[in-house]
PDB file of N, CA and C in Angstrom:
ATOM      1  N   UNK A   1     -72.908  36.324 -92.279  1.00  0.00           N
ATOM      2  CA  UNK A   1     -71.497  36.489 -92.517  1.00  0.00           C
ATOM      3  C   UNK A   1     -70.681  35.396 -91.863  1.00  0.00           C
ATOM      4  N   UNK A   2     -69.680  35.136 -92.329  1.00  0.00           N
ATOM      5  CA  UNK A   2     -68.824  34.038 -91.847  1.00  0.00           C
ATOM      6  C   UNK A   2     -67.817  34.482 -90.806  1.00  0.00           C
ATOM      7  N   UNK A   3     -67.625  33.566 -89.793  1.00  0.00           N
ATOM      8  CA  UNK A   3     -66.514  33.961 -88.819  1.00  0.00           C
ATOM      9  C   UNK A   3     -65.174  33.401 -89.287  1.00  0.00           C
ATOM     10  N   UNK A   4     -65.125  32.866 -90.479  1.00  0.00           N
ATOM     11  CA  UNK A   4     -63.978  32.544 -91.034  1.00  0.00           C
ATOM     12  C   UNK A   4     -63.391  33.650 -91.861  1.00  0.00           C
ATOM     13  N   UNK A   5     -62.088  33.895 -91.714  1.00  0.00           N
ATOM     14  CA  UNK A   5     -61.443  34.854 -92.609  1.00  0.00           C
ATOM     15  C   UNK A   5     -60.428  34.355 -93.434  1.00  0.00           C
ATOM     16  N   UNK A   6     -60.550  34.356 -94.697  1.00  0.00           N
ATOM     17  CA  UNK A   6     -59.411  33.897 -95.598  1.00  0.00           C
ATOM     18  C   UNK A   6     -58.471  35.117 -95.962  1.00  0.00           C
ATOM     19  N   UNK A   7     -57.227  34.600 -95.626  1.00  0.00           N
ATOM     20  CA  UNK A   7     -56.037  35.535 -95.887  1.00  0.00           C
ATOM     21  C   UNK A   7     -55.224  35.055 -96.913  1.00  0.00           C
ATOM     22  N   UNK A   8     -55.167  35.614 -98.081  1.00  0.00           N
ATOM     23  CA  UNK A   8     -54.335  35.133 -99.078  1.00  0.00           C
ATOM     24  C   UNK A   8     -54.015  36.099-100.179  1.00  0.00           C
ATOM     25  N   UNK A   9     -52.818  36.016-100.771  1.00  0.00           N
ATOM     26  CA  UNK A   9     -52.430  37.080-101.773  1.00  0.00           C
ATOM     27  C   UNK A   9     -52.931  36.620-103.028  1.00  0.00           C
ATOM     28  N   UNK A  10     -53.397  35.482-103.187  1.00  0.00           N
ATOM     29  CA  UNK A  10     -54.026  34.795-104.491  1.00  0.00           C
ATOM     30  C   UNK A  10     -55.425  35.014-104.603  1.00  0.00           C
ATOM     31  N   UNK A  11     -55.965  35.122-105.777  1.00  0.00           N
ATOM     32  CA  UNK A  11     -57.453  35.272-105.983  1.00  0.00           C
ATOM     33  C   UNK A  11     -57.878  33.883-106.826  1.00  0.00           C
ATOM     34  N   UNK A  12     -59.135  33.524-106.612  1.00  0.00           N
ATOM     35  CA  UNK A  12     -59.522  32.398-107.422  1.00  0.00           C
ATOM     36  C   UNK A  12     -59.292  32.575-108.893  1.00  0.00           C
ATOM     37  N   UNK A  13     -58.900  31.581-109.510  1.00  0.00           N
ATOM     38  CA  UNK A  13     -58.604  31.680-110.945  1.00  0.00           C
ATOM     39  C   UNK A  13     -59.103  30.387-111.812  1.00  0.00           C
ATOM     40  N   UNK A  14     -59.219  30.458-113.046  1.00  0.00           N
ATOM     41  CA  UNK A  14     -59.483  29.371-113.876  1.00  0.00           C
ATOM     42  C   UNK A  14     -60.891  28.991-113.575  1.00  0.00           C
ATOM     43  N   UNK A  15     -61.171  27.844-113.346  1.00  0.00           N
ATOM     44  CA  UNK A  15     -62.661  27.284-112.946  1.00  0.00           C
ATOM     45  C   UNK A  15     -62.882  27.444-111.621  1.00  0.00           C
ATOM     46  N   UNK A  16     -62.078  28.064-110.813  1.00  0.00           N
ATOM     47  CA  UNK A  16     -62.396  28.203-109.405  1.00  0.00           C
ATOM     48  C   UNK A  16     -63.634  29.071-109.130  1.00  0.00           C
ATOM     49  N   UNK A  17     -63.567  30.258-109.608  1.00  0.00           N
ATOM     50  CA  UNK A  17     -64.800  31.139-109.342  1.00  0.00           C
ATOM     51  C   UNK A  17     -66.157  30.448-109.746  1.00  0.00           C
ATOM     52  N   UNK A  18     -66.257  29.685-110.734  1.00  0.00           N
ATOM     53  CA  UNK A  18     -67.501  29.063-111.138  1.00  0.00           C
ATOM     54  C   UNK A  18     -67.763  27.912-110.063  1.00  0.00           C
ATOM     55  N   UNK A  19     -66.683  27.044-109.654  1.00  0.00           N
ATOM     56  CA  UNK A  19     -66.887  26.286-108.733  1.00  0.00           C
ATOM     57  C   UNK A  19     -67.341  26.488-107.285  1.00  0.00           C
ATOM     58  N   UNK A  20     -66.857  27.884-106.813  1.00  0.00           N
ATOM     59  CA  UNK A  20     -67.130  28.454-105.775  1.00  0.00           C
ATOM     60  C   UNK A  20     -68.505  28.888-105.767  1.00  0.00           C
ATOM     61  N   UNK A  21     -68.984  29.653-106.876  1.00  0.00           N
ATOM     62  CA  UNK A  21     -70.420  29.868-107.077  1.00  0.00           C
ATOM     63  C   UNK A  21     -71.299  28.659-106.955  1.00  0.00           C
ATOM     64  N   UNK A  22     -71.099  27.448-107.797  1.00  0.00           N
ATOM     65  CA  UNK A  22     -71.896  26.475-107.850  1.00  0.00           C
ATOM     66  C   UNK A  22     -71.943  25.742-106.515  1.00  0.00           C
ATOM     67  N   UNK A  23     -70.715  25.583-105.642  1.00  0.00           N
ATOM     68  CA  UNK A  23     -70.856  24.925-104.555  1.00  0.00           C
ATOM     69  C   UNK A  23     -71.656  25.596-103.576  1.00  0.00           C
ATOM     70  N   UNK A  24     -71.552  26.943-103.322  1.00  0.00           N
ATOM     71  CA  UNK A  24     -72.308  27.894-102.513  1.00  0.00           C
ATOM     72  C   UNK A  24     -73.823  27.604-102.703  1.00  0.00           C
ATOM     73  N   UNK A  25     -74.160  27.814-104.117  1.00  0.00           N
ATOM     74  CA  UNK A  25     -75.554  27.522-104.415  1.00  0.00           C
ATOM     75  C   UNK A  25     -76.064  26.208-104.077  1.00  0.00           C
ATOM     76  N   UNK A  26     -75.237  25.316-104.171  1.00  0.00           N
ATOM     77  CA  UNK A  26     -75.651  23.956-103.571  1.00  0.00           C
ATOM     78  C   UNK A  26     -75.958  23.862-102.180  1.00  0.00           C
ATOM     79  N   UNK A  27     -75.091  24.688-101.391  1.00  0.00           N
ATOM     80  CA  UNK A  27     -75.372  24.596-100.001  1.00  0.00           C
ATOM     81  C   UNK A  27     -76.588  25.328 -99.609  1.00  0.00           C
ATOM     82  N   UNK A  28     -76.877  26.522-100.356  1.00  0.00           N
ATOM     83  CA  UNK A  28     -77.921  27.377-100.124  1.00  0.00           C
ATOM     84  C   UNK A  28     -79.291  26.446-100.441  1.00  0.00           C
ATOM     85  N   UNK A  29     -79.334  25.752-101.368  1.00  0.00           N
ATOM     86  CA  UNK A  29     -80.196  24.798-101.781  1.00  0.00           C
ATOM     87  C   UNK A  29     -80.542  23.638-100.881  1.00  0.00           C
ATOM     88  N   UNK A  30     -79.552  23.378-100.273  1.00  0.00           N
ATOM     89  CA  UNK A  30     -79.714  22.201 -99.285  1.00  0.00           C
ATOM     90  C   UNK A  30     -79.242  20.928 -99.913  1.00  0.00           C
ATOM     91  N   UNK A  31     -78.340  20.980-100.980  1.00  0.00           N
ATOM     92  CA  UNK A  31     -77.880  19.882-101.537  1.00  0.00           C
ATOM     93  C   UNK A  31     -77.148  19.163-100.458  1.00  0.00           C
ATOM     94  N   UNK A  32     -77.278  17.697-100.230  1.00  0.00           N
ATOM     95  CA  UNK A  32     -76.432  16.924 -99.331  1.00  0.00           C
ATOM     96  C   UNK A  32     -75.299  16.374 -99.732  1.00  0.00           C
ATOM     97  N   UNK A  33     -75.211  16.269-101.193  1.00  0.00           N
ATOM     98  CA  UNK A  33     -73.993  15.803-101.764  1.00  0.00           C
ATOM     99  C   UNK A  33     -73.439  16.467-102.790  1.00  0.00           C
ATOM    100  N   UNK A  34     -72.229  16.863-102.714  1.00  0.00           N
ATOM    101  CA  UNK A  34     -71.622  17.639-103.793  1.00  0.00           C
ATOM    102  C   UNK A  34     -70.153  17.226-104.025  1.00  0.00           C
ATOM    103  N   UNK A  35     -69.544  17.263-105.270  1.00  0.00           N
ATOM    104  CA  UNK A  35     -68.226  16.552-105.408  1.00  0.00           C
ATOM    105  C   UNK A  35     -67.419  17.696-106.022  1.00  0.00           C
ATOM    106  N   UNK A  36     -66.186  18.010-105.703  1.00  0.00           N
ATOM    107  CA  UNK A  36     -65.218  18.796-106.193  1.00  0.00           C
ATOM    108  C   UNK A  36     -64.092  17.929-106.763  1.00  0.00           C
ATOM    109  N   UNK A  37     -63.989  17.943-108.143  1.00  0.00           N
ATOM    110  CA  UNK A  37     -62.929  17.090-108.600  1.00  0.00           C
ATOM    111  C   UNK A  37     -61.793  17.887-108.983  1.00  0.00           C
ATOM    112  N   UNK A  38     -60.670  17.343-108.783  1.00  0.00           N
ATOM    113  CA  UNK A  38     -59.386  18.059-109.247  1.00  0.00           C
ATOM    114  C   UNK A  38     -58.191  17.285-108.915  1.00  0.00           C
ATOM    115  N   UNK A  39     -57.215  17.287-109.879  1.00  0.00           N
ATOM    116  CA  UNK A  39     -55.851  16.588-109.640  1.00  0.00           C
ATOM    117  C   UNK A  39     -55.220  17.408-108.504  1.00  0.00           C
ATOM    118  N   UNK A  40     -54.156  16.738-107.979  1.00  0.00           N
ATOM    119  CA  UNK A  40     -53.116  17.330-106.796  1.00  0.00           C
ATOM    120  C   UNK A  40     -52.816  18.663-107.319  1.00  0.00           C
ATOM    121  N   UNK A  41     -52.864  19.576-106.366  1.00  0.00           N
ATOM    122  CA  UNK A  41     -52.202  20.867-106.535  1.00  0.00           C
ATOM    123  C   UNK A  41     -53.098  21.775-107.485  1.00  0.00           C
ATOM    124  N   UNK A  42     -54.339  21.528-107.716  1.00  0.00           N
ATOM    125  CA  UNK A  42     -55.156  22.367-108.594  1.00  0.00           C
ATOM    126  C   UNK A  42     -56.062  23.324-107.783  1.00  0.00           C
ATOM    127  N   UNK A  43     -55.939  23.354-106.322  1.00  0.00           N
ATOM    128  CA  UNK A  43     -56.447  24.301-105.648  1.00  0.00           C
ATOM    129  C   UNK A  43     -58.083  23.913-104.927  1.00  0.00           C
ATOM    130  N   UNK A  44     -58.061  22.751-104.620  1.00  0.00           N
ATOM    131  CA  UNK A  44     -59.295  22.223-104.117  1.00  0.00           C
ATOM    132  C   UNK A  44     -59.584  22.813-102.773  1.00  0.00           C
ATOM    133  N   UNK A  45     -58.464  22.739-101.855  1.00  0.00           N
ATOM    134  CA  UNK A  45     -58.607  23.190-100.675  1.00  0.00           C
ATOM    135  C   UNK A  45     -58.919  24.846-100.565  1.00  0.00           C
ATOM    136  N   UNK A  46     -58.179  25.441-101.483  1.00  0.00           N
ATOM    137  CA  UNK A  46     -58.319  26.954-101.670  1.00  0.00           C
ATOM    138  C   UNK A  46     -59.712  27.105-101.952  1.00  0.00           C
ATOM    139  N   UNK A  47     -60.426  26.466-102.987  1.00  0.00           N
ATOM    140  CA  UNK A  47     -61.746  26.668-103.436  1.00  0.00           C
ATOM    141  C   UNK A  47     -62.537  26.572-102.322  1.00  0.00           C
ATOM    142  N   UNK A  48     -62.410  25.430-101.709  1.00  0.00           N
ATOM    143  CA  UNK A  48     -63.526  25.257-100.555  1.00  0.00           C
ATOM    144  C   UNK A  48     -63.234  26.200 -99.320  1.00  0.00           C
ATOM    145  N   UNK A  49     -62.258  26.829 -99.118  1.00  0.00           N
ATOM    146  CA  UNK A  49     -61.891  27.793 -98.130  1.00  0.00           C
ATOM    147  C   UNK A  49     -62.795  28.960 -98.551  1.00  0.00           C
ATOM    148  N   UNK A  50     -62.900  29.377 -99.845  1.00  0.00           N
ATOM    149  CA  UNK A  50     -63.649  30.454-100.422  1.00  0.00           C
ATOM    150  C   UNK A  50     -65.187  30.206-100.207  1.00  0.00           C
ATOM    151  N   UNK A  51     -65.599  28.844-100.529  1.00  0.00           N
ATOM    152  CA  UNK A  51     -66.894  28.511-100.131  1.00  0.00           C
ATOM    153  C   UNK A  51     -67.275  28.860 -98.734  1.00  0.00           C
ATOM    154  N   UNK A  52     -66.501  28.453 -97.873  1.00  0.00           N
ATOM    155  CA  UNK A  52     -66.649  28.682 -96.484  1.00  0.00           C
ATOM    156  C   UNK A  52     -66.877  30.004 -96.032  1.00  0.00           C
ATOM    157  N   UNK A  53     -66.140  30.961 -96.670  1.00  0.00           N
ATOM    158  CA  UNK A  53     -66.269  32.261 -96.434  1.00  0.00           C
ATOM    159  C   UNK A  53     -67.423  32.816 -96.757  1.00  0.00           C
ATOM    160  N   UNK A  54     -68.092  32.329 -97.983  1.00  0.00           N
ATOM    161  CA  UNK A  54     -69.415  32.814 -98.518  1.00  0.00           C
ATOM    162  C   UNK A  54     -70.425  32.315 -97.725  1.00  0.00           C
TER     163      UNK A  54
END
């Protein structure tokens, strides 16, 4: 269980749920390098916050 608590009125949308799942799986596998690509304002920080919670 994470000590980090995400408080937001928004839920992951679009490609974010898949990105969260894949990034979390990469961490579990021990992948040392992963890339999250997205233009400005597409929710990269929000996505990573959800990965941290998982």
